Amino acid sequence: MVHCFLIHTLCPVAALPDGGSRVLFSRVFGPEEAGPAGSDRDLSPEERRLLQKEKLAVVARQVRSACALWREAAGRPAMELALGEESTALQEAESGVLSLAAGDPFPRECCVLWLAVQALGFTLVCQPHENLLLAESTLRSVARLCLDNLRLLGPGSEVVLRSDRIEAALHRLLPHGQLLFLNHRFAQSLDKELAAYMAK
């Protein structure tokens, strides 16, 4: 089961503190679990929303740090590509896996898969027993659909205004947070259906 999916920034944003990351899109699958001692149960809906927002921000910051370390160790700074070169950017994207201990920030241990495409991070938070190869394939498929059809790397791109299209991709590729085994023919059919929807 996938716990959540995020699109967030990987480069410094002027309005954020040093090392901060802005979550541009998030989708949490399933009900939010209470903390180890049930500490979340007495919170109001608004307090729960703010707590969840902070948990997702923690994940985005950890992925940003991991990506920065990866790029520094590899000697590869993020490169800006021109509009229309999204497929090249995705092929050259860095990726990695993190393990989050129980309580940091979610009640149970989680596995985080991330994909860094220039200044954008695509992240899946999964249960530790999930098939990581399948999760990575799904993450790359969602990122490819978003980059190819929504032009997220272009100037003036606004993820928030296109959230319905990202939701449509997640609904088909990650229904209720479940990873799907797709054969090649079905995957192609799904890609065409999603591309047609996103082009509207």
Protein backbone atom coordinates (compact mmCIF):
# COMPACT_ATOMS: atom_id res chain seq x y z
CA MET A 1 0.00 0.00 0.00
CA VAL A 2 1.22 3.46 -0.90
CA HIS A 3 0.68 5.95 1.91
CA CYS A 4 1.10 9.16 -0.10
CA PHE A 5 2.40 10.80 -3.27
CA LEU A 6 4.09 14.22 -3.39
CA ILE A 7 5.37 16.70 -5.93
CA HIS A 8 7.68 19.22 -4.28
CA THR A 9 10.57 21.59 -4.93
CA LEU A 10 14.20 20.53 -4.70
CA CYS A 11 15.86 23.91 -5.15
CA PRO A 12 15.95 26.85 -2.73
CA VAL A 13 12.76 28.92 -2.66
CA ALA A 14 13.18 32.54 -1.56
CA ALA A 15 10.16 32.50 0.77
CA LEU A 16 11.35 29.37 2.64
CA PRO A 17 14.04 28.93 5.29
CA ASP A 18 17.36 27.42 4.20
CA GLY A 19 16.90 23.73 3.46
CA GLY A 20 13.14 24.08 3.11
CA SER A 21 11.04 22.53 0.38
CA ARG A 22 7.60 23.55 -0.85
CA VAL A 23 5.00 20.81 -1.38
CA LEU A 24 3.25 21.66 -4.65
CA PHE A 25 0.88 18.68 -4.74
CA SER A 26 0.06 15.91 -2.30
CA ARG A 27 -2.31 12.97 -2.25
CA VAL A 28 -2.71 10.82 0.87
CA PHE A 29 -4.30 7.40 0.37
CA GLY A 30 -6.42 5.86 3.12
CA PRO A 31 -7.29 7.21 6.55
CA GLU A 32 -4.66 8.96 8.64
CA GLU A 33 -3.47 6.74 11.46
CA ALA A 34 -3.23 8.04 15.00
CA GLY A 35 0.15 8.39 16.67
CA PRO A 36 1.59 5.65 18.91
CA ALA A 37 -0.26 6.85 22.01
CA GLY A 38 -3.35 8.01 20.13
CA SER A 39 -2.20 11.62 20.54
CA ASP A 40 -3.92 12.69 17.29
CA ARG A 41 -7.41 11.63 18.38
CA ASP A 42 -8.26 14.79 20.32
CA LEU A 43 -7.29 17.18 17.53
CA SER A 44 -9.82 19.25 15.59
CA PRO A 45 -10.10 18.67 11.82
CA GLU A 46 -8.08 21.84 11.15
CA GLU A 47 -5.33 20.74 13.57
CA ARG A 48 -5.23 17.31 11.90
CA ARG A 49 -4.90 18.97 8.49
CA LEU A 50 -2.02 21.14 9.70
CA LEU A 51 -0.31 18.14 11.34
CA GLN A 52 -0.60 16.14 8.11
CA LYS A 53 0.74 19.10 6.12
CA GLU A 54 3.76 19.27 8.43
CA LYS A 55 4.39 15.50 8.10
CA LEU A 56 4.42 15.83 4.30
CA ALA A 57 6.75 18.84 4.56
CA VAL A 58 9.14 16.72 6.68
CA VAL A 59 9.22 14.06 3.95
CA ALA A 60 9.83 16.71 1.26
CA ARG A 61 12.74 18.19 3.27
CA GLN A 62 14.32 14.78 3.79
CA VAL A 63 14.06 13.98 0.07
CA ARG A 64 15.52 17.40 -0.78
CA SER A 65 18.49 16.71 1.53
CA ALA A 66 19.03 13.21 0.09
CA CYS A 67 18.88 14.55 -3.47
CA ALA A 68 21.31 17.40 -2.68
CA LEU A 69 23.76 14.89 -1.16
CA TRP A 70 23.39 12.58 -4.18
CA ARG A 71 24.02 15.43 -6.63
CA GLU A 72 26.99 16.72 -4.64
CA ALA A 73 28.56 13.25 -4.39
CA ALA A 74 28.04 12.64 -8.12
CA GLY A 75 29.24 16.13 -9.04
CA ARG A 76 26.04 16.73 -11.00
CA PRO A 77 24.30 20.03 -10.34
CA ALA A 78 20.69 20.29 -11.50
CA MET A 79 20.64 21.37 -15.14
CA GLU A 80 17.90 23.41 -16.74
CA LEU A 81 16.51 22.00 -19.99
CA ALA A 82 14.39 23.80 -22.55
CA LEU A 83 10.66 23.30 -22.90
CA GLY A 84 9.93 20.11 -24.85
CA GLU A 85 12.88 18.19 -23.40
CA GLU A 86 10.87 16.56 -20.59
CA SER A 87 11.66 13.01 -21.74
CA THR A 88 15.39 13.80 -21.64
CA ALA A 89 15.03 15.26 -18.17
CA LEU A 90 13.22 12.13 -16.97
CA GLN A 91 15.89 9.83 -18.43
CA GLU A 92 18.60 11.79 -16.60
CA ALA A 93 16.61 12.02 -13.36
CA GLU A 94 18.25 10.96 -10.13
CA SER A 95 16.39 8.51 -7.92
CA GLY A 96 16.78 6.98 -4.50
CA VAL A 97 15.19 5.25 -1.54
CA LEU A 98 14.95 6.40 2.07
CA SER A 99 13.75 4.58 5.14
CA LEU A 100 11.73 6.51 7.72
CA ALA A 101 11.68 5.15 11.26
CA ALA A 102 8.40 4.78 13.12
CA GLY A 103 7.35 8.18 14.44
CA ASP A 104 9.52 10.10 11.95
CA PRO A 105 7.05 11.52 10.88
CA PHE A 106 4.49 8.71 10.42
CA PRO A 107 3.38 6.34 13.21
CA ARG A 108 4.79 3.29 11.40
CA GLU A 109 8.02 2.65 9.53
CA CYS A 110 7.85 3.75 5.89
CA CYS A 111 9.90 3.47 2.73
CA VAL A 112 10.29 6.59 0.56
CA LEU A 113 11.07 6.41 -3.17
CA TRP A 114 12.05 9.67 -4.82
CA LEU A 115 12.72 10.85 -8.34
CA ALA A 116 14.48 14.20 -8.90
CA VAL A 117 13.74 15.83 -12.24
CA GLN A 118 15.65 19.12 -12.33
CA ALA A 119 14.08 21.25 -9.58
CA LEU A 120 11.04 18.99 -9.05
CA GLY A 121 10.82 16.00 -6.75
CA PHE A 122 8.29 13.19 -7.22
CA THR A 123 7.95 11.06 -4.08
CA LEU A 124 6.05 7.93 -3.05
CA VAL A 125 5.80 6.92 0.61
CA CYS A 126 5.11 3.17 0.85
CA GLN A 127 4.81 0.50 3.48
CA PRO A 128 8.19 -1.22 3.97
CA HIS A 129 7.07 -4.58 2.53
CA GLU A 130 5.99 -3.15 -0.86
CA ASN A 131 7.61 -4.26 -4.12
CA LEU A 132 10.12 -1.42 -4.64
CA LEU A 133 10.71 -2.16 -8.34
CA LEU A 134 6.97 -1.93 -9.00
CA ALA A 135 6.75 1.24 -6.89
CA GLU A 136 9.62 2.83 -8.83
CA SER A 137 8.03 1.89 -12.15
CA THR A 138 4.74 3.45 -11.03
CA LEU A 139 6.50 6.59 -9.79
CA ARG A 140 8.30 6.97 -13.14
CA SER A 141 5.01 6.47 -15.02
CA VAL A 142 3.22 9.15 -12.99
CA ALA A 143 6.18 11.53 -13.38
CA ARG A 144 6.35 10.90 -17.14
CA LEU A 145 2.63 11.57 -17.58
CA CYS A 146 2.86 14.77 -15.54
CA LEU A 147 5.97 16.04 -17.33
CA ASP A 148 4.88 15.13 -20.88
CA ASN A 149 1.30 16.33 -20.66
CA LEU A 150 1.33 19.14 -18.10
CA ARG A 151 4.68 20.73 -19.03
CA LEU A 152 5.64 21.07 -15.37
CA LEU A 153 9.20 22.11 -16.23
CA GLY A 154 8.12 25.08 -18.31
CA PRO A 155 8.16 28.68 -17.08
CA GLY A 156 4.98 29.75 -15.33
CA SER A 157 3.83 26.19 -14.84
CA GLU A 158 1.36 25.98 -11.96
CA VAL A 159 0.94 22.51 -10.48
CA VAL A 160 -1.90 23.59 -8.21
CA LEU A 161 -4.07 24.61 -11.17
CA ARG A 162 -3.61 21.20 -12.78
CA SER A 163 -4.23 19.05 -9.74
CA ASP A 164 -7.34 17.44 -11.26
CA ARG A 165 -5.21 15.96 -14.05
CA ILE A 166 -2.62 14.66 -11.61
CA GLU A 167 -5.46 13.13 -9.57
CA ALA A 168 -6.75 11.40 -12.72
CA ALA A 169 -3.33 9.84 -13.34
CA LEU A 170 -3.09 8.68 -9.73
CA HIS A 171 -6.65 7.29 -9.82
CA ARG A 172 -5.73 5.05 -12.76
CA LEU A 173 -2.13 4.13 -11.86
CA LEU A 174 -2.51 3.97 -8.05
CA PRO A 175 -6.18 3.22 -7.32
CA HIS A 176 -6.74 3.71 -3.57
CA GLY A 177 -2.96 3.57 -3.08
CA GLN A 178 -2.57 0.05 -4.49
CA LEU A 179 0.35 -0.70 -6.81
CA LEU A 180 -0.76 -2.43 -10.02
CA PHE A 181 1.02 -5.04 -12.13
CA LEU A 182 0.37 -3.89 -15.71
CA ASN A 183 1.19 -5.78 -18.87
CA HIS A 184 2.67 -3.79 -21.76
CA ARG A 185 -0.53 -3.63 -23.83
CA PHE A 186 -2.68 -2.45 -20.92
CA ALA A 187 -0.03 0.12 -19.90
CA GLN A 188 -0.02 1.54 -23.45
CA SER A 189 -3.82 1.73 -23.49
CA LEU A 190 -3.79 3.49 -20.12
CA ASP A 191 -1.14 5.95 -21.32
CA LYS A 192 -3.26 6.87 -24.37
CA GLU A 193 -6.39 7.31 -22.24
CA LEU A 194 -4.58 9.51 -19.73
CA ALA A 195 -2.81 11.56 -22.42
CA ALA A 196 -6.18 12.25 -24.08
CA TYR A 197 -7.69 13.32 -20.75
CA MET A 198 -4.75 15.55 -19.81
CA ALA A 199 -4.73 17.23 -23.22
CA LYS A 200 -8.26 18.61 -22.64
